[in-house]
Protein backbone atom coordinates (compact mmCIF):
# COMPACT_ATOMS: atom_id res chain seq x y z
CA MET A 1 80.32 131.69 44.82
CA ARG A 2 82.64 133.85 44.89
CA LYS A 3 80.81 136.32 46.66
CA THR A 4 80.18 133.58 49.06
CA TRP A 5 83.35 132.75 49.28
CA TRP A 6 84.43 136.06 50.15
CA LEU A 7 81.44 136.73 52.39
CA ALA A 8 82.88 133.47 54.41
CA SER A 9 86.45 134.53 54.27
CA ALA A 10 85.41 137.84 56.08
CA PHE A 11 83.52 136.71 59.10
CA ALA A 12 85.60 133.77 59.22
CA PHE A 13 88.78 137.20 59.29
CA VAL A 14 86.45 138.37 61.94
CA GLY A 15 85.09 136.37 64.10
CA VAL A 16 89.24 135.12 64.36
CA ALA A 17 89.06 139.23 65.94
CA ALA A 18 86.14 138.93 68.44
CA LEU A 19 87.55 135.85 70.18
CA SER A 20 91.11 137.54 70.50
CA ARG A 21 89.60 140.84 72.04
CA GLN A 22 87.85 138.63 74.44
CA ALA A 23 90.20 136.02 75.15
CA ALA A 24 91.64 138.58 77.95
CA ALA A 25 89.42 141.37 77.91
CA ASP A 26 90.37 145.46 78.43
CA SER A 27 94.23 144.11 80.22
CA MET A 28 96.00 145.66 77.31
CA ASP A 29 93.56 148.52 78.50
CA PRO A 30 96.21 151.79 80.58
CA ALA A 31 96.43 152.46 84.33
CA LEU A 32 98.35 155.15 83.86
CA ALA A 33 97.70 156.18 88.31
CA ARG A 34 100.98 153.80 88.71
CA PHE A 35 103.16 156.09 87.30
CA VAL A 36 104.20 158.38 90.66
CA ALA A 37 107.84 159.48 90.92
CA ASP A 38 107.55 158.48 94.66
CA GLU A 39 105.27 155.97 96.67
CA ASN A 40 105.75 157.64 99.42
CA CYS A 41 102.47 159.81 98.47
CA ARG A 42 99.97 156.67 98.80
CA ALA A 43 99.46 153.81 101.08
CA SER A 44 98.20 149.88 99.82
CA GLY A 45 95.02 149.14 101.74
CA THR A 46 94.48 146.17 102.94
CA ASN A 47 92.66 144.79 100.70
CA GLY A 48 94.54 146.47 98.09
CA GLY A 49 94.23 149.54 96.15
CA ASN A 50 96.03 153.08 96.40
CA TYR A 51 94.73 155.05 99.39
CA TYR A 52 95.66 158.89 100.23
CA ASN A 53 99.06 158.80 102.58
CA PRO A 54 98.04 161.42 105.34
CA ALA A 55 101.62 161.40 106.57
CA SER A 56 102.46 162.84 102.98
CA LYS A 57 100.50 166.14 104.21
CA PHE A 58 100.08 168.53 101.14
CA GLN A 59 102.69 166.75 99.26
CA LYS A 60 101.46 166.05 95.61
CA CYS A 61 102.21 162.57 94.37
CA GLY A 62 104.63 163.99 91.28
CA THR A 63 104.08 162.33 87.77
CA TYR A 64 106.57 160.15 86.03
CA ASP A 65 106.30 161.21 82.73
CA ALA A 66 108.36 159.61 81.08
CA TYR A 67 107.18 156.07 81.37
CA PHE A 68 104.17 157.94 79.81
CA ALA A 69 106.41 159.37 77.20
CA LYS A 70 107.48 155.99 76.88
CA LEU A 71 103.46 154.05 76.75
CA ILE A 72 102.63 156.89 74.35
CA ALA A 73 104.66 155.69 71.75
CA GLN A 74 104.62 152.35 71.74
CA TYR A 75 101.02 152.67 71.28
CA GLY A 76 101.08 155.66 68.95
CA PHE A 77 103.41 153.41 66.43
CA ALA A 78 100.65 150.33 67.30
CA VAL A 79 97.70 152.91 66.43
CA ALA A 80 99.59 154.49 63.08
CA PRO A 81 98.45 154.21 60.03
CA THR A 82 100.78 151.55 58.05
CA ALA A 83 100.70 152.51 54.54
CA MET A 84 99.65 149.29 53.35
CA HIS A 85 99.57 149.64 49.49
CA SER A 86 101.31 149.80 46.72
CA ALA A 87 101.37 153.11 44.54
CA ARG A 88 98.73 152.50 42.35
CA THR A 89 95.54 153.29 42.86
CA THR A 90 92.03 150.97 42.90
CA GLY A 91 91.49 153.34 39.53
CA TYR A 92 88.61 156.14 37.77
CA GLY A 93 85.45 154.84 39.68
CA GLY A 94 87.16 152.10 41.34
CA PHE A 95 86.68 150.74 45.43
CA GLU A 96 88.16 148.50 47.61
CA LEU A 97 86.23 146.25 51.04
CA ALA A 98 89.29 145.37 53.13
CA ILE A 99 90.06 143.78 56.47
CA GLU A 100 93.23 144.33 58.15
CA ALA A 101 95.41 142.32 60.99
CA ASP A 102 97.82 144.02 62.16
CA TYR A 103 100.21 142.69 65.08
CA THR A 104 103.09 145.04 66.19
CA LYS A 105 105.96 144.02 68.80
CA ILE A 106 105.13 146.25 71.48
CA ASP A 107 108.71 146.42 74.80
CA SER A 108 106.64 143.75 77.31
CA ASP A 109 109.53 143.17 79.21
CA ALA A 110 109.66 146.95 80.34
CA ASP A 111 108.40 148.37 83.61
CA TYR A 112 106.58 150.90 82.03
CA TRP A 113 104.35 148.28 79.77
CA LYS A 114 103.76 146.47 83.16
CA LYS A 115 103.00 149.04 85.52
CA GLY A 116 100.99 150.83 82.18
CA THR A 117 98.43 147.98 81.86
CA GLN A 118 95.70 146.86 83.55
CA GLY A 119 96.60 142.98 83.37
CA PRO A 120 94.40 140.42 84.41
CA GLN A 121 90.92 140.59 86.39
CA ASP A 122 91.22 137.71 89.16
CA PRO A 123 87.96 136.10 88.86
CA SER A 124 86.46 137.14 92.28
CA SER A 125 87.41 140.06 93.10
CA HIS A 126 86.90 141.63 89.65
CA ARG A 127 90.44 143.56 90.18
CA PHE A 128 92.90 144.14 88.48
CA SER A 129 96.28 143.70 88.79
CA VAL A 130 98.79 145.53 90.54
CA VAL A 131 101.05 145.25 87.77
CA GLY A 132 100.24 143.81 84.54
CA ASP A 133 100.99 141.10 82.28
CA PRO A 134 100.76 142.92 78.66
CA ASP A 135 100.69 141.18 75.85
CA SER A 136 103.99 141.32 73.30
CA ILE A 137 102.27 141.13 70.10
CA MET A 138 99.39 143.85 69.69
CA GLN A 139 97.31 143.65 67.85
CA THR A 140 95.26 145.61 66.01
CA TYR A 141 91.37 145.08 63.46
CA LEU A 142 89.84 147.35 61.12
CA LEU A 143 87.79 147.39 58.17
CA LYS A 144 88.51 149.82 55.46
CA LEU A 145 87.13 151.11 52.19
CA ARG A 146 89.18 152.66 49.58
CA LYS A 147 87.68 154.75 46.83
CA GLY A 148 89.19 155.56 43.80
CA PHE A 149 88.64 159.69 41.70
CA PRO A 150 90.09 161.36 38.61
CA PHE A 151 93.80 162.44 38.50
CA GLY A 152 95.61 159.48 40.27
CA LEU A 153 93.24 160.42 43.77
CA GLU A 154 92.41 157.93 46.40
CA LEU A 155 90.31 158.06 49.56
CA THR A 156 90.16 155.69 52.11
CA GLY A 157 88.12 155.66 55.09
CA ASN A 158 89.09 153.01 57.99
CA VAL A 159 87.88 151.93 61.61
CA GLY A 160 88.80 149.23 64.16
CA PHE A 161 90.13 147.86 67.33
CA LEU A 162 92.71 147.14 69.61
CA ALA A 163 92.84 143.19 70.63
CA ASN A 164 92.52 143.26 74.68
CA THR A 165 90.79 146.41 75.19
CA ASN A 166 88.59 149.00 74.66
CA ILE A 167 90.22 151.20 72.88
CA VAL A 168 88.11 151.98 68.97
CA THR A 169 90.42 153.43 66.31
CA GLY A 170 89.51 155.33 63.10
CA GLY A 171 90.83 157.52 60.21
CA ALA A 172 91.65 158.22 57.17
CA ASP A 173 94.08 158.12 53.69
CA ILE A 174 94.60 160.62 51.46
CA ARG A 175 97.31 160.04 47.94
CA MET A 176 97.98 160.44 44.70
CA SER A 177 100.10 157.86 42.16
CA LEU A 178 102.13 160.36 40.20
CA LEU A 179 102.87 157.27 37.21
CA GLU A 180 100.88 154.81 37.23
CA GLY A 181 99.05 152.56 35.09
CA PHE A 182 101.30 152.57 31.56
CA ARG A 183 102.12 149.17 30.58
CA THR A 184 103.72 149.52 26.63
CA GLY A 185 106.44 152.19 25.63
CA LEU A 186 109.16 153.95 27.37
CA PRO A 187 107.05 154.62 30.76
CA GLY A 188 106.02 150.82 30.95
CA ILE A 189 109.43 150.84 32.36
CA PHE A 190 109.55 152.92 34.87
CA PRO A 191 108.00 151.59 38.98
CA GLU A 192 104.82 153.17 39.67
CA ILE A 193 105.20 156.16 42.08
CA ALA A 194 102.61 157.95 44.86
CA VAL A 195 102.61 160.15 48.12
CA GLY A 196 99.59 160.32 50.54
CA GLY A 197 98.75 161.57 53.94
CA SER A 198 97.06 159.66 56.82
CA VAL A 199 95.85 160.55 60.25
CA ARG A 200 94.26 158.16 63.09
CA THR A 201 92.85 158.83 66.85
CA ILE A 202 91.35 157.00 69.13
CA THR A 203 88.09 156.82 71.81
CA GLY A 204 87.40 154.56 74.08
CA THR A 205 89.74 155.20 77.55
CA GLU A 206 89.41 158.25 78.68
CA GLU A 207 93.53 157.78 80.54
CA PHE A 208 94.62 159.73 77.19
CA GLN A 209 94.39 160.70 73.44
CA LEU A 210 96.47 160.21 70.83
CA THR A 211 95.72 161.35 67.11
CA VAL A 212 98.55 160.20 64.66
CA GLY A 213 99.59 161.82 61.58
CA GLY A 214 101.88 160.36 58.67
CA PHE A 215 103.11 161.01 55.13
CA ASP A 216 104.45 158.98 52.62
CA ALA A 217 105.87 157.89 49.61
CA GLN A 218 105.45 154.14 47.66
CA VAL A 219 107.34 152.75 44.70
CA SER A 220 105.71 149.46 43.11
CA LYS A 221 105.60 148.13 39.48
CA PRO A 222 102.77 145.32 39.22
CA ILE A 223 103.95 142.36 38.22
CA PRO A 224 100.84 140.24 35.50
CA ILE A 225 101.16 136.25 35.34
CA ALA A 226 98.86 134.28 33.14
CA GLY A 227 96.00 137.14 31.53
CA THR A 228 94.37 136.67 35.77
CA VAL A 229 96.94 137.00 38.10
CA VAL A 230 98.63 140.33 39.23
CA LEU A 231 101.17 140.46 41.92
CA THR A 232 103.13 143.78 43.07
CA PRO A 233 106.41 144.34 44.88
CA TYR A 234 106.83 147.49 46.58
CA ILE A 235 108.53 149.56 49.27
CA GLY A 236 108.38 152.72 50.14
CA TYR A 237 108.61 155.26 53.14
CA GLN A 238 106.78 156.69 56.01
CA TRP A 239 107.20 160.32 58.53
CA ILE A 240 105.13 159.91 61.18
CA ARG A 241 104.18 162.37 64.19
CA ILE A 242 101.99 161.23 67.41
CA PHE A 243 100.79 163.34 69.90
CA GLY A 244 99.75 161.88 73.13
CA ASP A 245 97.77 164.36 75.57
CA SER A 246 96.30 162.23 79.05
CA GLY A 247 93.58 162.70 80.82
CA LEU A 248 92.75 163.61 84.01
CA ILE A 249 94.33 161.02 86.53
CA ASP A 250 94.27 160.10 90.01
CA LEU A 251 97.06 158.78 91.64
CA THR A 252 95.13 158.08 95.07
CA PRO A 253 92.35 156.45 93.29
CA ASN A 254 90.93 154.66 95.60
CA THR A 255 90.58 157.86 98.12
CA ASP A 256 87.48 160.06 97.36
CA ALA A 257 89.22 163.20 97.66
CA VAL A 258 85.73 164.75 98.31
CA GLN A 259 84.39 162.75 101.18
CA TYR A 260 88.12 162.33 102.74
CA CYS A 261 87.89 166.21 102.65
CA GLY A 262 83.97 166.85 103.89
CA TYR A 263 83.72 169.33 100.91
CA LYS A 264 81.14 171.69 101.53
CA GLY A 265 82.29 173.95 98.65
CA GLY A 266 84.86 176.13 96.08
CA ASN A 267 86.27 179.21 98.35
CA SER A 268 83.24 181.48 97.99
CA PRO A 269 80.71 184.49 98.31
CA ALA A 270 77.90 181.17 99.27
CA THR A 271 80.58 178.87 100.50
CA PRO A 272 83.40 180.98 102.60
CA ASP A 273 86.79 179.88 103.54
CA PRO A 274 86.73 180.80 107.41
CA THR A 275 90.59 181.22 107.76
CA LYS A 276 91.51 183.32 104.42
CA THR A 277 89.79 186.69 103.17
CA TYR A 278 88.95 186.12 99.88
CA HIS A 279 87.31 183.34 97.39
CA ASP A 280 89.93 181.43 95.03
CA GLY A 281 87.53 178.67 94.24
CA GLN A 282 89.27 176.41 96.51
CA PRO A 283 88.20 173.53 98.64
CA VAL A 284 86.33 174.43 101.50
CA CYS A 285 86.53 171.57 104.06
CA SER A 286 84.66 170.92 106.85
CA GLY A 287 86.19 168.06 109.78
CA GLY A 288 88.59 166.77 106.91
CA SER A 289 91.78 167.81 104.59
CA SER A 290 92.23 168.92 100.69
CA ALA A 291 95.17 167.53 100.44
CA ASP A 292 94.15 164.45 98.37
CA PHE A 293 92.46 166.84 95.76
CA ASN A 294 96.32 167.58 94.74
CA ASN A 295 96.86 164.47 93.24
CA THR A 296 94.57 164.15 90.36
CA VAL A 297 97.03 165.48 87.71
CA VAL A 298 97.76 165.93 83.46
CA PHE A 299 101.72 164.21 82.41
CA ASP A 300 103.48 165.91 80.13
CA PRO A 301 101.92 165.95 76.83
CA VAL A 302 103.60 163.98 74.40
CA ARG A 303 104.85 165.31 70.63
CA LEU A 304 107.53 162.83 68.78
CA THR A 305 108.47 161.42 65.45
CA ARG A 306 108.70 158.18 64.05
CA HIS A 307 110.73 157.38 60.99
CA ARG A 308 109.70 153.61 59.16
CA LEU A 309 110.98 151.99 55.54
CA ASP A 310 107.61 149.69 54.73
CA PHE A 311 108.05 146.72 52.29
CA GLY A 312 105.22 144.53 51.25
CA LEU A 313 103.20 142.06 48.36
CA GLN A 314 99.58 142.95 47.49
CA LEU A 315 98.26 139.05 45.02
CA ARG A 316 95.21 140.17 43.34
CA PHE A 317 92.78 137.59 41.59
CA GLN A 318 89.85 138.62 39.81
CA TYR A 319 88.22 140.40 42.52
CA VAL A 320 89.74 139.48 45.15
CA LYS A 321 93.32 140.74 46.73
CA PHE A 322 95.45 139.23 49.11
CA GLY A 323 98.35 141.63 51.08
CA ALA A 324 101.22 141.61 53.34
CA HIS A 325 103.30 144.09 54.31
CA PHE A 326 106.27 144.94 56.76
CA LEU A 327 106.95 147.89 58.92
CA MET A 328 109.92 148.77 61.22
CA ASP A 329 111.36 151.57 62.71
CA LEU A 330 114.53 153.23 60.71
CA VAL A 331 115.89 154.28 63.98
CA SER A 332 115.34 154.59 66.85
CA PRO A 333 112.65 156.90 69.00
CA GLU A 334 115.61 158.29 70.85
CA ASP A 335 118.00 158.91 68.32
CA ALA A 336 114.73 160.16 66.26
CA ASN A 337 113.65 162.82 69.01
CA LYS A 338 117.17 164.93 70.33
CA GLY A 339 117.29 168.09 72.24
CA LYS A 340 115.86 169.18 74.32
CA ASP A 341 112.09 169.61 73.55
CA TYR A 342 112.65 165.83 74.42
CA GLU A 343 114.29 165.98 77.81
CA THR A 344 111.81 164.68 81.08
CA ALA A 345 113.68 165.33 84.68
CA THR A 346 114.57 161.65 86.28
CA ARG A 347 113.09 159.89 89.20
CA ASP A 348 114.66 161.12 91.84
CA GLU A 349 114.21 164.72 92.69
CA ASN A 350 117.61 165.31 95.01
CA ASP A 351 118.95 165.21 91.58
CA GLY A 352 116.96 168.96 91.41
CA ASP A 353 117.54 169.98 86.69
CA ALA A 354 118.91 166.98 86.33
CA LYS A 355 117.28 165.53 82.42
CA PHE A 356 117.95 162.97 80.44
CA ASN A 357 115.26 161.95 77.23
CA GLU A 358 112.51 161.34 77.77
CA PHE A 359 112.73 157.63 75.33
CA GLY A 360 115.79 156.47 76.35
CA ASP A 361 117.45 155.45 79.84
CA ASP A 362 117.00 157.18 83.36
CA PRO A 363 119.90 156.73 85.01
CA THR A 364 118.46 157.32 88.56
CA ASN A 365 115.45 154.28 87.76
CA PRO A 366 117.55 151.27 87.06
CA ASP A 367 113.81 149.34 85.68
CA ASP A 368 113.99 152.38 83.77
CA THR A 369 114.66 150.90 79.63
CA ALA A 370 114.86 153.51 76.16
CA VAL A 371 112.38 152.49 73.98
CA LYS A 372 113.58 150.35 71.47
CA LYS A 373 112.81 150.04 67.56
CA GLN A 374 108.89 148.26 66.92
CA TRP A 375 108.00 146.75 63.57
CA THR A 376 104.45 145.73 62.40
CA LEU A 377 103.12 142.28 60.62
CA ALA A 378 99.94 143.03 58.50
CA PHE A 379 97.47 140.75 56.14
CA ASP A 380 94.75 142.13 54.80
CA LEU A 381 91.65 140.75 52.26
CA GLY A 382 89.77 142.31 50.60
CA ALA A 383 87.64 142.65 47.52
CA VAL A 384 88.44 145.17 44.28
CA PHE A 385 85.43 146.61 41.75
């Protein structure tokens, strides 16, 4: 009976997650081609879309790296490991199978979210919005398996997806419980303590690569109730490091650079460029221009640190465990990442070498805002054996 109840609950939970994903499919997928420093490099077509602007000649579409950095900062917070566990492991030989739902607050009103996500799809033309209407909460659903080993060691593997995107996430955790299992005598007075490390990465999008590593420390104290129920409150600290790298992004995606050029091949002995006396591998055109090749770009890589406080409560009744967990920034991303390594160019090219913190406000762009503190509310339901 209990097994039937558990399976029904699990399928209901996953069903709700799947329906949530299908409600506005792909609207939260990234759209980095909109992050340009100067819109004069491209022109809009009669039916929409971004095309190469011949008036720009060989002037490149400059990347607005500040928007990319901010988007990665918030995607990274949502993808990062939640450290959703007490300091007690499943024990030697024990394991847990659970489903987890994470709800992360994002700056959905910020310009970098509106431009940086696909937005709703038009049902007739099947085109995505020029400016998206992002969700205020990013949802992540995971299936996770925890396995205990001797000496307080525990390993966890998980896989999941971000709702309303094609992004799949997966990763692993390792932790060591330094003090656990004491119930009597002087050691029974002290709380349980554990430390651990974790990593998450994603697939499902060619726009960027994202990996998040973390270290955490947890303190908890189980409270037995009536012999069959155990209530375990816990609190901890987590340090995470976010690594974000863009893919190759075409800033004029509606212009085919090869066709516009009349591409014959690279400048080589087989297909030489008659205007050059050397072979440099650059495109050789027939009747067109190679200028649009300049508009395939890579954004500056993003590396940032977040400091997070977490606390939660676990309720276990025999084999069934339910948990609630809250996670929040201790300081803003801008305050956590200071120095020249975190500076980027302003949007106004007339400012020359003017710089500002990539997670703060761009003084030359009134639409740009600093990345705010974030929080995540998470729940899990599992069976412990």
